[in-house]
PDB file of N, CA and C in Angstrom:
ATOM      1  N   UNK A   1      -2.002  20.005  -3.674  1.00  0.00           N
ATOM      2  CA  UNK A   1      -0.851  19.361  -4.288  1.00  0.00           C
ATOM      3  C   UNK A   1      -1.300  18.064  -4.955  1.00  0.00           C
ATOM      4  N   UNK A   2      -0.936  17.900  -6.190  1.00  0.00           N
ATOM      5  CA  UNK A   2      -1.279  16.691  -6.949  1.00  0.00           C
ATOM      6  C   UNK A   2      -0.268  15.586  -6.624  1.00  0.00           C
ATOM      7  N   UNK A   3      -0.781  14.458  -6.202  1.00  0.00           N
ATOM      8  CA  UNK A   3       0.077  13.306  -5.902  1.00  0.00           C
ATOM      9  C   UNK A   3       0.180  12.461  -7.160  1.00  0.00           C
ATOM     10  N   UNK A   4       1.406  12.163  -7.546  1.00  0.00           N
ATOM     11  CA  UNK A   4       1.655  11.419  -8.785  1.00  0.00           C
ATOM     12  C   UNK A   4       1.953   9.956  -8.460  1.00  0.00           C
ATOM     13  N   UNK A   5       1.502   9.099  -9.384  1.00  0.00           N
ATOM     14  CA  UNK A   5       1.635   7.658  -9.191  1.00  0.00           C
ATOM     15  C   UNK A   5       2.193   6.993 -10.445  1.00  0.00           C
ATOM     16  N   UNK A   6       2.952   5.934 -10.233  1.00  0.00           N
ATOM     17  CA  UNK A   6       3.327   5.070 -11.348  1.00  0.00           C
ATOM     18  C   UNK A   6       2.068   4.355 -11.824  1.00  0.00           C
ATOM     19  N   UNK A   7       2.059   3.894 -13.054  1.00  0.00           N
ATOM     20  CA  UNK A   7       0.907   3.193 -13.613  1.00  0.00           C
ATOM     21  C   UNK A   7       0.685   1.832 -12.973  1.00  0.00           C
ATOM     22  N   UNK A   8       1.759   1.263 -12.453  1.00  0.00           N
ATOM     23  CA  UNK A   8       1.659  -0.048 -11.816  1.00  0.00           C
ATOM     24  C   UNK A   8       2.712  -0.140 -10.720  1.00  0.00           C
ATOM     25  N   UNK A   9       2.543  -1.078  -9.790  1.00  0.00           N
ATOM     26  CA  UNK A   9       3.550  -1.258  -8.747  1.00  0.00           C
ATOM     27  C   UNK A   9       4.917  -1.581  -9.345  1.00  0.00           C
ATOM     28  N   UNK A  10       5.949  -1.221  -8.629  1.00  0.00           N
ATOM     29  CA  UNK A  10       7.309  -1.496  -9.067  1.00  0.00           C
ATOM     30  C   UNK A  10       7.655  -2.962  -8.794  1.00  0.00           C
ATOM     31  N   UNK A  11       8.608  -3.480  -9.545  1.00  0.00           N
ATOM     32  CA  UNK A  11       8.968  -4.909  -9.438  1.00  0.00           C
ATOM     33  C   UNK A  11       9.313  -5.319  -8.010  1.00  0.00           C
ATOM     34  N   UNK A  12      10.028  -4.454  -7.277  1.00  0.00           N
ATOM     35  CA  UNK A  12      10.464  -4.810  -5.923  1.00  0.00           C
ATOM     36  C   UNK A  12       9.326  -4.816  -4.903  1.00  0.00           C
ATOM     37  N   UNK A  13       8.160  -4.280  -5.270  1.00  0.00           N
ATOM     38  CA  UNK A  13       7.032  -4.248  -4.335  1.00  0.00           C
ATOM     39  C   UNK A  13       6.459  -5.639  -4.073  1.00  0.00           C
ATOM     40  N   UNK A  14       6.490  -6.496  -5.071  1.00  0.00           N
ATOM     41  CA  UNK A  14       5.907  -7.833  -4.918  1.00  0.00           C
ATOM     42  C   UNK A  14       6.698  -8.712  -3.939  1.00  0.00           C
ATOM     43  N   UNK A  15       8.043  -8.772  -4.044  1.00  0.00           N
ATOM     44  CA  UNK A  15       8.784  -9.522  -3.026  1.00  0.00           C
ATOM     45  C   UNK A  15       8.628  -8.899  -1.633  1.00  0.00           C
ATOM     46  N   UNK A  16       8.516  -7.581  -1.569  1.00  0.00           N
ATOM     47  CA  UNK A  16       8.305  -6.918  -0.272  1.00  0.00           C
ATOM     48  C   UNK A  16       6.961  -7.339   0.315  1.00  0.00           C
ATOM     49  N   UNK A  17       5.934  -7.413  -0.526  1.00  0.00           N
ATOM     50  CA  UNK A  17       4.613  -7.848  -0.074  1.00  0.00           C
ATOM     51  C   UNK A  17       4.667  -9.296   0.410  1.00  0.00           C
ATOM     52  N   UNK A  18       5.335 -10.161  -0.342  1.00  0.00           N
ATOM     53  CA  UNK A  18       5.450 -11.570   0.045  1.00  0.00           C
ATOM     54  C   UNK A  18       6.197 -11.705   1.374  1.00  0.00           C
ATOM     55  N   UNK A  19       7.240 -10.913   1.556  1.00  0.00           N
ATOM     56  CA  UNK A  19       8.006 -10.950   2.802  1.00  0.00           C
ATOM     57  C   UNK A  19       7.136 -10.557   3.994  1.00  0.00           C
ATOM     58  N   UNK A  20       6.355  -9.506   3.815  1.00  0.00           N
ATOM     59  CA  UNK A  20       5.464  -9.067   4.891  1.00  0.00           C
ATOM     60  C   UNK A  20       4.394 -10.132   5.173  1.00  0.00           C
ATOM     61  N   UNK A  21       3.761 -10.627   4.124  1.00  0.00           N
ATOM     62  CA  UNK A  21       2.713 -11.628   4.293  1.00  0.00           C
ATOM     63  C   UNK A  21       3.242 -12.915   4.914  1.00  0.00           C
ATOM     64  N   UNK A  22       4.522 -13.199   4.702  1.00  0.00           N
ATOM     65  CA  UNK A  22       5.143 -14.400   5.257  1.00  0.00           C
ATOM     66  C   UNK A  22       5.193 -14.373   6.788  1.00  0.00           C
ATOM     67  N   UNK A  23       4.941 -13.216   7.371  1.00  0.00           N
ATOM     68  CA  UNK A  23       4.896 -13.129   8.832  1.00  0.00           C
ATOM     69  C   UNK A  23       3.639 -13.791   9.408  1.00  0.00           C
ATOM     70  N   UNK A  24       2.570 -13.828   8.612  1.00  0.00           N
ATOM     71  CA  UNK A  24       1.318 -14.408   9.096  1.00  0.00           C
ATOM     72  C   UNK A  24       0.839 -15.588   8.262  1.00  0.00           C
ATOM     73  N   UNK A  25       1.460 -15.806   7.129  1.00  0.00           N
ATOM     74  CA  UNK A  25       1.127 -16.919   6.248  1.00  0.00           C
ATOM     75  C   UNK A  25       2.384 -17.766   6.056  1.00  0.00           C
ATOM     76  N   UNK A  26       2.205 -18.995   5.620  1.00  0.00           N
ATOM     77  CA  UNK A  26       3.414 -19.755   5.304  1.00  0.00           C
ATOM     78  C   UNK A  26       3.987 -19.219   3.992  1.00  0.00           C
ATOM     79  N   UNK A  27       5.220 -19.562   3.716  1.00  0.00           N
ATOM     80  CA  UNK A  27       5.933 -19.015   2.555  1.00  0.00           C
ATOM     81  C   UNK A  27       5.185 -19.245   1.243  1.00  0.00           C
ATOM     82  N   UNK A  28       4.665 -20.455   1.054  1.00  0.00           N
ATOM     83  CA  UNK A  28       3.956 -20.756  -0.191  1.00  0.00           C
ATOM     84  C   UNK A  28       2.707 -19.894  -0.358  1.00  0.00           C
ATOM     85  N   UNK A  29       1.948 -19.730   0.726  1.00  0.00           N
ATOM     86  CA  UNK A  29       0.750 -18.880   0.664  1.00  0.00           C
ATOM     87  C   UNK A  29       1.126 -17.433   0.363  1.00  0.00           C
ATOM     88  N   UNK A  30       2.142 -16.939   1.043  1.00  0.00           N
ATOM     89  CA  UNK A  30       2.570 -15.550   0.854  1.00  0.00           C
ATOM     90  C   UNK A  30       3.010 -15.311  -0.587  1.00  0.00           C
ATOM     91  N   UNK A  31       3.779 -16.224  -1.132  1.00  0.00           N
ATOM     92  CA  UNK A  31       4.242 -16.076  -2.510  1.00  0.00           C
ATOM     93  C   UNK A  31       3.095 -16.222  -3.506  1.00  0.00           C
ATOM     94  N   UNK A  32       2.132 -17.079  -3.205  1.00  0.00           N
ATOM     95  CA  UNK A  32       0.972 -17.241  -4.085  1.00  0.00           C
ATOM     96  C   UNK A  32       0.135 -15.955  -4.119  1.00  0.00           C
ATOM     97  N   UNK A  33      -0.014 -15.320  -2.980  1.00  0.00           N
ATOM     98  CA  UNK A  33      -0.757 -14.057  -2.923  1.00  0.00           C
ATOM     99  C   UNK A  33      -0.022 -12.987  -3.726  1.00  0.00           C
ATOM    100  N   UNK A  34       1.291 -12.926  -3.578  1.00  0.00           N
ATOM    101  CA  UNK A  34       2.084 -11.948  -4.335  1.00  0.00           C
ATOM    102  C   UNK A  34       1.940 -12.192  -5.836  1.00  0.00           C
ATOM    103  N   UNK A  35       1.903 -13.454  -6.241  1.00  0.00           N
ATOM    104  CA  UNK A  35       1.722 -13.776  -7.653  1.00  0.00           C
ATOM    105  C   UNK A  35       0.336 -13.353  -8.144  1.00  0.00           C
ATOM    106  N   UNK A  36      -0.675 -13.567  -7.316  1.00  0.00           N
ATOM    107  CA  UNK A  36      -2.025 -13.129  -7.680  1.00  0.00           C
ATOM    108  C   UNK A  36      -2.075 -11.611  -7.831  1.00  0.00           C
ATOM    109  N   UNK A  37      -1.364 -10.920  -6.953  1.00  0.00           N
ATOM    110  CA  UNK A  37      -1.325  -9.455  -7.038  1.00  0.00           C
ATOM    111  C   UNK A  37      -0.716  -8.999  -8.362  1.00  0.00           C
ATOM    112  N   UNK A  38       0.305  -9.717  -8.822  1.00  0.00           N
ATOM    113  CA  UNK A  38       0.927  -9.360 -10.100  1.00  0.00           C
ATOM    114  C   UNK A  38      -0.079  -9.427 -11.238  1.00  0.00           C
ATOM    115  N   UNK A  39      -0.990 -10.385 -11.177  1.00  0.00           N
ATOM    116  CA  UNK A  39      -1.907 -10.656 -12.280  1.00  0.00           C
ATOM    117  C   UNK A  39      -3.197  -9.839 -12.229  1.00  0.00           C
ATOM    118  N   UNK A  40      -3.514  -9.283 -11.076  1.00  0.00           N
ATOM    119  CA  UNK A  40      -4.785  -8.578 -10.943  1.00  0.00           C
ATOM    120  C   UNK A  40      -4.714  -7.169 -11.535  1.00  0.00           C
ATOM    121  N   UNK A  41      -5.866  -6.650 -11.894  1.00  0.00           N
ATOM    122  CA  UNK A  41      -5.966  -5.313 -12.488  1.00  0.00           C
ATOM    123  C   UNK A  41      -5.831  -4.228 -11.425  1.00  0.00           C
ATOM    124  N   UNK A  42      -5.447  -3.065 -11.868  1.00  0.00           N
ATOM    125  CA  UNK A  42      -5.357  -1.903 -10.984  1.00  0.00           C
ATOM    126  C   UNK A  42      -6.767  -1.416 -10.640  1.00  0.00           C
ATOM    127  N   UNK A  43      -6.910  -0.865  -9.458  1.00  0.00           N
ATOM    128  CA  UNK A  43      -8.141  -0.219  -9.012  1.00  0.00           C
ATOM    129  C   UNK A  43      -7.733   0.952  -8.137  1.00  0.00           C
ATOM    130  N   UNK A  44      -8.668   1.595  -7.481  1.00  0.00           N
ATOM    131  CA  UNK A  44      -8.301   2.670  -6.562  1.00  0.00           C
ATOM    132  C   UNK A  44      -9.351   2.799  -5.470  1.00  0.00           C
ATOM    133  N   UNK A  45      -8.885   3.255  -4.314  1.00  0.00           N
ATOM    134  CA  UNK A  45      -9.733   3.492  -3.159  1.00  0.00           C
ATOM    135  C   UNK A  45      -9.276   4.769  -2.473  1.00  0.00           C
ATOM    136  N   UNK A  46     -10.168   5.400  -1.732  1.00  0.00           N
ATOM    137  CA  UNK A  46      -9.822   6.596  -0.971  1.00  0.00           C
ATOM    138  C   UNK A  46      -8.896   6.219   0.179  1.00  0.00           C
ATOM    139  N   UNK A  47      -7.938   7.089   0.459  1.00  0.00           N
ATOM    140  CA  UNK A  47      -6.975   6.843   1.541  1.00  0.00           C
ATOM    141  C   UNK A  47      -7.692   6.552   2.859  1.00  0.00           C
ATOM    142  N   UNK A  48      -8.695   7.342   3.181  1.00  0.00           N
ATOM    143  CA  UNK A  48      -9.394   7.154   4.459  1.00  0.00           C
ATOM    144  C   UNK A  48     -10.086   5.797   4.532  1.00  0.00           C
ATOM    145  N   UNK A  49     -10.587   5.306   3.411  1.00  0.00           N
ATOM    146  CA  UNK A  49     -11.256   3.998   3.408  1.00  0.00           C
ATOM    147  C   UNK A  49     -10.261   2.857   3.574  1.00  0.00           C
ATOM    148  N   UNK A  50      -9.090   3.002   2.980  1.00  0.00           N
ATOM    149  CA  UNK A  50      -8.044   1.981   3.156  1.00  0.00           C
ATOM    150  C   UNK A  50      -7.655   1.904   4.626  1.00  0.00           C
ATOM    151  N   UNK A  51      -7.479   3.071   5.265  1.00  0.00           N
ATOM    152  CA  UNK A  51      -7.140   3.066   6.690  1.00  0.00           C
ATOM    153  C   UNK A  51      -8.235   2.408   7.517  1.00  0.00           C
ATOM    154  N   UNK A  52      -9.464   2.755   7.260  1.00  0.00           N
ATOM    155  CA  UNK A  52     -10.566   2.194   8.052  1.00  0.00           C
ATOM    156  C   UNK A  52     -10.636   0.690   7.890  1.00  0.00           C
ATOM    157  N   UNK A  53     -10.483   0.189   6.675  1.00  0.00           N
ATOM    158  CA  UNK A  53     -10.571  -1.251   6.427  1.00  0.00           C
ATOM    159  C   UNK A  53      -9.387  -2.015   7.012  1.00  0.00           C
ATOM    160  N   UNK A  54      -8.240  -1.356   7.081  1.00  0.00           N
ATOM    161  CA  UNK A  54      -7.037  -2.031   7.591  1.00  0.00           C
ATOM    162  C   UNK A  54      -6.969  -2.034   9.105  1.00  0.00           C
ATOM    163  N   UNK A  55      -7.682  -1.117   9.731  1.00  0.00           N
ATOM    164  CA  UNK A  55      -7.672  -0.994  11.196  1.00  0.00           C
ATOM    165  C   UNK A  55      -6.284  -0.638  11.733  1.00  0.00           C
ATOM    166  N   UNK A  56      -5.476   0.034  10.900  1.00  0.00           N
ATOM    167  CA  UNK A  56      -4.144   0.465  11.308  1.00  0.00           C
ATOM    168  C   UNK A  56      -4.167   1.924  11.753  1.00  0.00           C
ATOM    169  N   UNK A  57      -3.154   2.320  12.477  1.00  0.00           N
ATOM    170  CA  UNK A  57      -3.006   3.707  12.896  1.00  0.00           C
ATOM    171  C   UNK A  57      -2.170   4.469  11.883  1.00  0.00           C
ATOM    172  N   UNK A  58      -2.404   5.751  11.821  1.00  0.00           N
ATOM    173  CA  UNK A  58      -1.610   6.624  10.970  1.00  0.00           C
ATOM    174  C   UNK A  58      -0.240   6.814  11.614  1.00  0.00           C
ATOM    175  N   UNK A  59       0.825   6.525  10.866  1.00  0.00           N
ATOM    176  CA  UNK A  59       2.174   6.736  11.383  1.00  0.00           C
ATOM    177  C   UNK A  59       2.470   8.223  11.410  1.00  0.00           C
ATOM    178  N   UNK A  60       3.195   8.658  12.419  1.00  0.00           N
ATOM    179  CA  UNK A  60       3.519  10.070  12.571  1.00  0.00           C
ATOM    180  C   UNK A  60       4.541  10.564  11.567  1.00  0.00           C
ATOM    181  N   UNK A  61       4.643  11.869  11.491  1.00  0.00           N
ATOM    182  CA  UNK A  61       5.561  12.492  10.542  1.00  0.00           C
ATOM    183  C   UNK A  61       7.014  12.204  10.882  1.00  0.00           C
ATOM    184  N   UNK A  62       7.278  11.763  12.101  1.00  0.00           N
ATOM    185  CA  UNK A  62       8.661  11.495  12.491  1.00  0.00           C
ATOM    186  C   UNK A  62       9.166  10.146  11.972  1.00  0.00           C
ATOM    187  N   UNK A  63       8.295   9.334  11.397  1.00  0.00           N
ATOM    188  CA  UNK A  63       8.725   8.059  10.835  1.00  0.00           C
ATOM    189  C   UNK A  63       9.569   8.339   9.600  1.00  0.00           C
ATOM    190  N   UNK A  64      10.753   7.791   9.536  1.00  0.00           N
ATOM    191  CA  UNK A  64      11.687   8.110   8.457  1.00  0.00           C
ATOM    192  C   UNK A  64      11.161   7.722   7.078  1.00  0.00           C
ATOM    193  N   UNK A  65      10.447   6.605   6.993  1.00  0.00           N
ATOM    194  CA  UNK A  65       9.916   6.179   5.694  1.00  0.00           C
ATOM    195  C   UNK A  65       8.779   7.095   5.237  1.00  0.00           C
ATOM    196  N   UNK A  66       7.953   7.522   6.181  1.00  0.00           N
ATOM    197  CA  UNK A  66       6.880   8.460   5.852  1.00  0.00           C
ATOM    198  C   UNK A  66       7.496   9.789   5.418  1.00  0.00           C
ATOM    199  N   UNK A  67       8.546  10.205   6.104  1.00  0.00           N
ATOM    200  CA  UNK A  67       9.245  11.447   5.722  1.00  0.00           C
ATOM    201  C   UNK A  67       9.799  11.354   4.301  1.00  0.00           C
ATOM    202  N   UNK A  68      10.385  10.216   3.944  1.00  0.00           N
ATOM    203  CA  UNK A  68      10.927  10.033   2.599  1.00  0.00           C
ATOM    204  C   UNK A  68       9.820  10.099   1.551  1.00  0.00           C
ATOM    205  N   UNK A  69       8.704   9.436   1.821  1.00  0.00           N
ATOM    206  CA  UNK A  69       7.591   9.450   0.873  1.00  0.00           C
ATOM    207  C   UNK A  69       6.963  10.841   0.783  1.00  0.00           C
ATOM    208  N   UNK A  70       6.897  11.538   1.899  1.00  0.00           N
ATOM    209  CA  UNK A  70       6.390  12.916   1.906  1.00  0.00           C
ATOM    210  C   UNK A  70       7.273  13.798   1.041  1.00  0.00           C
ATOM    211  N   UNK A  71       8.579  13.647   1.168  1.00  0.00           N
ATOM    212  CA  UNK A  71       9.515  14.437   0.361  1.00  0.00           C
ATOM    213  C   UNK A  71       9.337  14.133  -1.121  1.00  0.00           C
ATOM    214  N   UNK A  72       9.095  12.873  -1.456  1.00  0.00           N
ATOM    215  CA  UNK A  72       8.855  12.509  -2.861  1.00  0.00           C
ATOM    216  C   UNK A  72       7.613  13.218  -3.399  1.00  0.00           C
ATOM    217  N   UNK A  73       6.573  13.265  -2.593  1.00  0.00           N
ATOM    218  CA  UNK A  73       5.346  13.946  -3.004  1.00  0.00           C
ATOM    219  C   UNK A  73       5.618  15.427  -3.243  1.00  0.00           C
ATOM    220  N   UNK A  74       6.328  16.055  -2.332  1.00  0.00           N
ATOM    221  CA  UNK A  74       6.640  17.486  -2.439  1.00  0.00           C
ATOM    222  C   UNK A  74       7.481  17.762  -3.688  1.00  0.00           C
ATOM    223  N   UNK A  75       8.409  16.861  -3.998  1.00  0.00           N
ATOM    224  CA  UNK A  75       9.257  17.035  -5.188  1.00  0.00           C
ATOM    225  C   UNK A  75       8.525  16.690  -6.485  1.00  0.00           C
ATOM    226  N   UNK A  76       7.308  16.196  -6.370  1.00  0.00           N
ATOM    227  CA  UNK A  76       6.538  15.841  -7.555  1.00  0.00           C
ATOM    228  C   UNK A  76       6.928  14.509  -8.161  1.00  0.00           C
ATOM    229  N   UNK A  77       7.585  13.660  -7.376  1.00  0.00           N
ATOM    230  CA  UNK A  77       7.989  12.342  -7.857  1.00  0.00           C
ATOM    231  C   UNK A  77       6.827  11.357  -7.722  1.00  0.00           C
ATOM    232  N   UNK A  78       6.837  10.360  -8.553  1.00  0.00           N
ATOM    233  CA  UNK A  78       5.784   9.357  -8.536  1.00  0.00           C
ATOM    234  C   UNK A  78       5.991   8.355  -7.400  1.00  0.00           C
ATOM    235  N   UNK A  79       4.863   7.903  -6.862  1.00  0.00           N
ATOM    236  CA  UNK A  79       4.848   6.853  -5.850  1.00  0.00           C
ATOM    237  C   UNK A  79       4.344   5.568  -6.481  1.00  0.00           C
ATOM    238  N   UNK A  80       4.716   4.457  -5.880  1.00  0.00           N
ATOM    239  CA  UNK A  80       4.251   3.163  -6.347  1.00  0.00           C
ATOM    240  C   UNK A  80       2.883   2.860  -5.736  1.00  0.00           C
ATOM    241  N   UNK A  81       1.948   2.327  -6.513  1.00  0.00           N
ATOM    242  CA  UNK A  81       0.638   1.945  -5.982  1.00  0.00           C
ATOM    243  C   UNK A  81       0.766   0.925  -4.849  1.00  0.00           C
ATOM    244  N   UNK A  82      -0.289   0.821  -4.055  1.00  0.00           N
ATOM    245  CA  UNK A  82      -0.309  -0.088  -2.926  1.00  0.00           C
ATOM    246  C   UNK A  82      -0.677  -1.505  -3.364  1.00  0.00           C
ATOM    247  N   UNK A  83      -0.239  -2.473  -2.572  1.00  0.00           N
ATOM    248  CA  UNK A  83      -0.618  -3.873  -2.753  1.00  0.00           C
ATOM    249  C   UNK A  83      -1.408  -4.292  -1.525  1.00  0.00           C
ATOM    250  N   UNK A  84      -2.657  -4.699  -1.745  1.00  0.00           N
ATOM    251  CA  UNK A  84      -3.585  -4.980  -0.649  1.00  0.00           C
ATOM    252  C   UNK A  84      -4.085  -6.423  -0.710  1.00  0.00           C
ATOM    253  N   UNK A  85      -4.343  -6.977   0.473  1.00  0.00           N
ATOM    254  CA  UNK A  85      -4.830  -8.353   0.585  1.00  0.00           C
ATOM    255  C   UNK A  85      -6.046  -8.370   1.515  1.00  0.00           C
ATOM    256  N   UNK A  86      -7.138  -8.965   1.043  1.00  0.00           N
ATOM    257  CA  UNK A  86      -8.337  -9.105   1.872  1.00  0.00           C
ATOM    258  C   UNK A  86      -8.201 -10.347   2.738  1.00  0.00           C
ATOM    259  N   UNK A  87      -7.981 -10.135   4.013  1.00  0.00           N
ATOM    260  CA  UNK A  87      -7.885 -11.238   4.978  1.00  0.00           C
ATOM    261  C   UNK A  87      -9.310 -11.584   5.409  1.00  0.00           C
ATOM    262  N   UNK A  88      -9.892 -12.566   4.742  1.00  0.00           N
ATOM    263  CA  UNK A  88     -11.289 -12.916   5.003  1.00  0.00           C
ATOM    264  C   UNK A  88     -11.464 -13.656   6.332  1.00  0.00           C
ATOM    265  N   UNK A  89     -10.399 -14.275   6.833  1.00  0.00           N
ATOM    266  CA  UNK A  89     -10.473 -14.974   8.114  1.00  0.00           C
ATOM    267  C   UNK A  89     -10.649 -13.959   9.246  1.00  0.00           C
ATOM    268  N   UNK A  90      -9.864 -12.885   9.215  1.00  0.00           N
ATOM    269  CA  UNK A  90      -9.927 -11.867  10.269  1.00  0.00           C
ATOM    270  C   UNK A  90     -10.767 -10.657   9.874  1.00  0.00           C
ATOM    271  N   UNK A  91     -11.362 -10.715   8.690  1.00  0.00           N
ATOM    272  CA  UNK A  91     -12.261  -9.678   8.199  1.00  0.00           C
ATOM    273  C   UNK A  91     -11.630  -8.279   8.261  1.00  0.00           C
ATOM    274  N   UNK A  92     -10.428  -8.195   7.677  1.00  0.00           N
ATOM    275  CA  UNK A  92      -9.761  -6.903   7.610  1.00  0.00           C
ATOM    276  C   UNK A  92      -8.873  -6.849   6.377  1.00  0.00           C
ATOM    277  N   UNK A  93      -8.470  -5.650   6.061  1.00  0.00           N
ATOM    278  CA  UNK A  93      -7.595  -5.423   4.925  1.00  0.00           C
ATOM    279  C   UNK A  93      -6.145  -5.412   5.390  1.00  0.00           C
ATOM    280  N   UNK A  94      -5.282  -6.112   4.674  1.00  0.00           N
ATOM    281  CA  UNK A  94      -3.855  -6.121   4.979  1.00  0.00           C
ATOM    282  C   UNK A  94      -3.147  -5.283   3.916  1.00  0.00           C
ATOM    283  N   UNK A  95      -2.377  -4.314   4.362  1.00  0.00           N
ATOM    284  CA  UNK A  95      -1.556  -3.535   3.436  1.00  0.00           C
ATOM    285  C   UNK A  95      -0.256  -4.299   3.289  1.00  0.00           C
ATOM    286  N   UNK A  96      -0.186  -5.102   2.239  1.00  0.00           N
ATOM    287  CA  UNK A  96       0.979  -5.959   2.029  1.00  0.00           C
ATOM    288  C   UNK A  96       2.203  -5.136   1.641  1.00  0.00           C
ATOM    289  N   UNK A  97       1.992  -4.045   0.923  1.00  0.00           N
ATOM    290  CA  UNK A  97       3.089  -3.135   0.585  1.00  0.00           C
ATOM    291  C   UNK A  97       2.502  -1.741   0.358  1.00  0.00           C
ATOM    292  N   UNK A  98       3.104  -0.744   1.002  1.00  0.00           N
ATOM    293  CA  UNK A  98       2.709   0.639   0.768  1.00  0.00           C
ATOM    294  C   UNK A  98       2.179   1.384   1.983  1.00  0.00           C
ATOM    295  N   UNK A  99       2.303   0.812   3.168  1.00  0.00           N
ATOM    296  CA  UNK A  99       1.788   1.455   4.389  1.00  0.00           C
ATOM    297  C   UNK A  99       2.372   2.854   4.586  1.00  0.00           C
ATOM    298  N   UNK A 100       3.667   3.002   4.401  1.00  0.00           N
ATOM    299  CA  UNK A 100       4.300   4.311   4.586  1.00  0.00           C
ATOM    300  C   UNK A 100       3.823   5.307   3.529  1.00  0.00           C
ATOM    301  N   UNK A 101       3.652   4.835   2.304  1.00  0.00           N
ATOM    302  CA  UNK A 101       3.137   5.707   1.243  1.00  0.00           C
ATOM    303  C   UNK A 101       1.727   6.166   1.582  1.00  0.00           C
ATOM    304  N   UNK A 102       0.906   5.249   2.074  1.00  0.00           N
ATOM    305  CA  UNK A 102      -0.459   5.593   2.463  1.00  0.00           C
ATOM    306  C   UNK A 102      -0.454   6.677   3.541  1.00  0.00           C
ATOM    307  N   UNK A 103       0.388   6.525   4.531  1.00  0.00           N
ATOM    308  CA  UNK A 103       0.472   7.524   5.613  1.00  0.00           C
ATOM    309  C   UNK A 103       0.900   8.886   5.077  1.00  0.00           C
ATOM    310  N   UNK A 104       1.861   8.903   4.171  1.00  0.00           N
ATOM    311  CA  UNK A 104       2.329  10.163   3.594  1.00  0.00           C
ATOM    312  C   UNK A 104       1.219  10.831   2.788  1.00  0.00           C
ATOM    313  N   UNK A 105       0.510  10.072   1.988  1.00  0.00           N
ATOM    314  CA  UNK A 105      -0.569  10.622   1.168  1.00  0.00           C
ATOM    315  C   UNK A 105      -1.682  11.162   2.060  1.00  0.00           C
ATOM    316  N   UNK A 106      -2.027  10.432   3.088  1.00  0.00           N
ATOM    317  CA  UNK A 106      -3.109  10.813   3.995  1.00  0.00           C
ATOM    318  C   UNK A 106      -2.847  12.181   4.614  1.00  0.00           C
ATOM    319  N   UNK A 107      -1.597  12.496   4.876  1.00  0.00           N
ATOM    320  CA  UNK A 107      -1.241  13.806   5.453  1.00  0.00           C
ATOM    321  C   UNK A 107      -1.646  14.948   4.527  1.00  0.00           C
ATOM    322  N   UNK A 108      -1.593  14.709   3.221  1.00  0.00           N
ATOM    323  CA  UNK A 108      -1.931  15.738   2.241  1.00  0.00           C
ATOM    324  C   UNK A 108      -3.430  15.781   1.955  1.00  0.00           C
ATOM    325  N   UNK A 109      -4.049  14.591   1.875  1.00  0.00           N
ATOM    326  CA  UNK A 109      -5.452  14.540   1.484  1.00  0.00           C
ATOM    327  C   UNK A 109      -6.045  13.186   1.845  1.00  0.00           C
ATOM    328  N   UNK A 110      -6.848  13.147   2.889  1.00  0.00           N
ATOM    329  CA  UNK A 110      -7.440  11.878   3.319  1.00  0.00           C
ATOM    330  C   UNK A 110      -8.427  11.323   2.294  1.00  0.00           C
ATOM    331  N   UNK A 111      -8.916  12.188   1.409  1.00  0.00           N
ATOM    332  CA  UNK A 111      -9.851  11.754   0.369  1.00  0.00           C
ATOM    333  C   UNK A 111      -9.146  11.342  -0.923  1.00  0.00           C
ATOM    334  N   UNK A 112      -7.825  11.445  -0.940  1.00  0.00           N
ATOM    335  CA  UNK A 112      -7.057  11.119  -2.165  1.00  0.00           C
ATOM    336  C   UNK A 112      -7.373   9.690  -2.592  1.00  0.00           C
ATOM    337  N   UNK A 113      -7.572   9.533  -3.888  1.00  0.00           N
ATOM    338  CA  UNK A 113      -7.783   8.210  -4.460  1.00  0.00           C
ATOM    339  C   UNK A 113      -6.418   7.582  -4.710  1.00  0.00           C
ATOM    340  N   UNK A 114      -6.221   6.407  -4.147  1.00  0.00           N
ATOM    341  CA  UNK A 114      -4.918   5.744  -4.219  1.00  0.00           C
ATOM    342  C   UNK A 114      -5.009   4.543  -5.142  1.00  0.00           C
ATOM    343  N   UNK A 115      -4.180   4.512  -6.171  1.00  0.00           N
ATOM    344  CA  UNK A 115      -4.164   3.336  -7.045  1.00  0.00           C
ATOM    345  C   UNK A 115      -3.574   2.135  -6.303  1.00  0.00           C
ATOM    346  N   UNK A 116      -4.154   0.982  -6.573  1.00  0.00           N
ATOM    347  CA  UNK A 116      -3.679  -0.206  -5.875  1.00  0.00           C
ATOM    348  C   UNK A 116      -4.122  -1.457  -6.624  1.00  0.00           C
ATOM    349  N   UNK A 117      -3.571  -2.548  -6.173  1.00  0.00           N
ATOM    350  CA  UNK A 117      -4.020  -3.880  -6.576  1.00  0.00           C
ATOM    351  C   UNK A 117      -4.509  -4.553  -5.318  1.00  0.00           C
ATOM    352  N   UNK A 118      -5.608  -5.307  -5.454  1.00  0.00           N
ATOM    353  CA  UNK A 118      -6.180  -5.972  -4.274  1.00  0.00           C
ATOM    354  C   UNK A 118      -6.647  -7.376  -4.639  1.00  0.00           C
ATOM    355  N   UNK A 119      -6.321  -8.317  -3.774  1.00  0.00           N
ATOM    356  CA  UNK A 119      -6.818  -9.689  -3.922  1.00  0.00           C
ATOM    357  C   UNK A 119      -7.389 -10.148  -2.607  1.00  0.00           C
TER     358      UNK A 119
END
């Protein structure tokens, strides 16, 4: 199954990323990172490599957001690229926006190349 992607993240992804990052960063830092993400070029990484770098677990199929993203893939709808942040202090990758999408894609193909922005 071919997974389809938008050419760039959707407008609402950046505030979502800032909101998530605000849990571990102060508001100004979180918003600055989101702004940097807006300006950076698109790239792509394999789903399995994103998981390994993030040190996160794969969410199960019973997660409602993963189910929604899985249904979008099955219907042939486009997904929004991921927004990633390199946390150099803790030496890990932070999925600022797109964790559920990553989990849904991984179910279909762990080697799938996922478009994203990373700072």
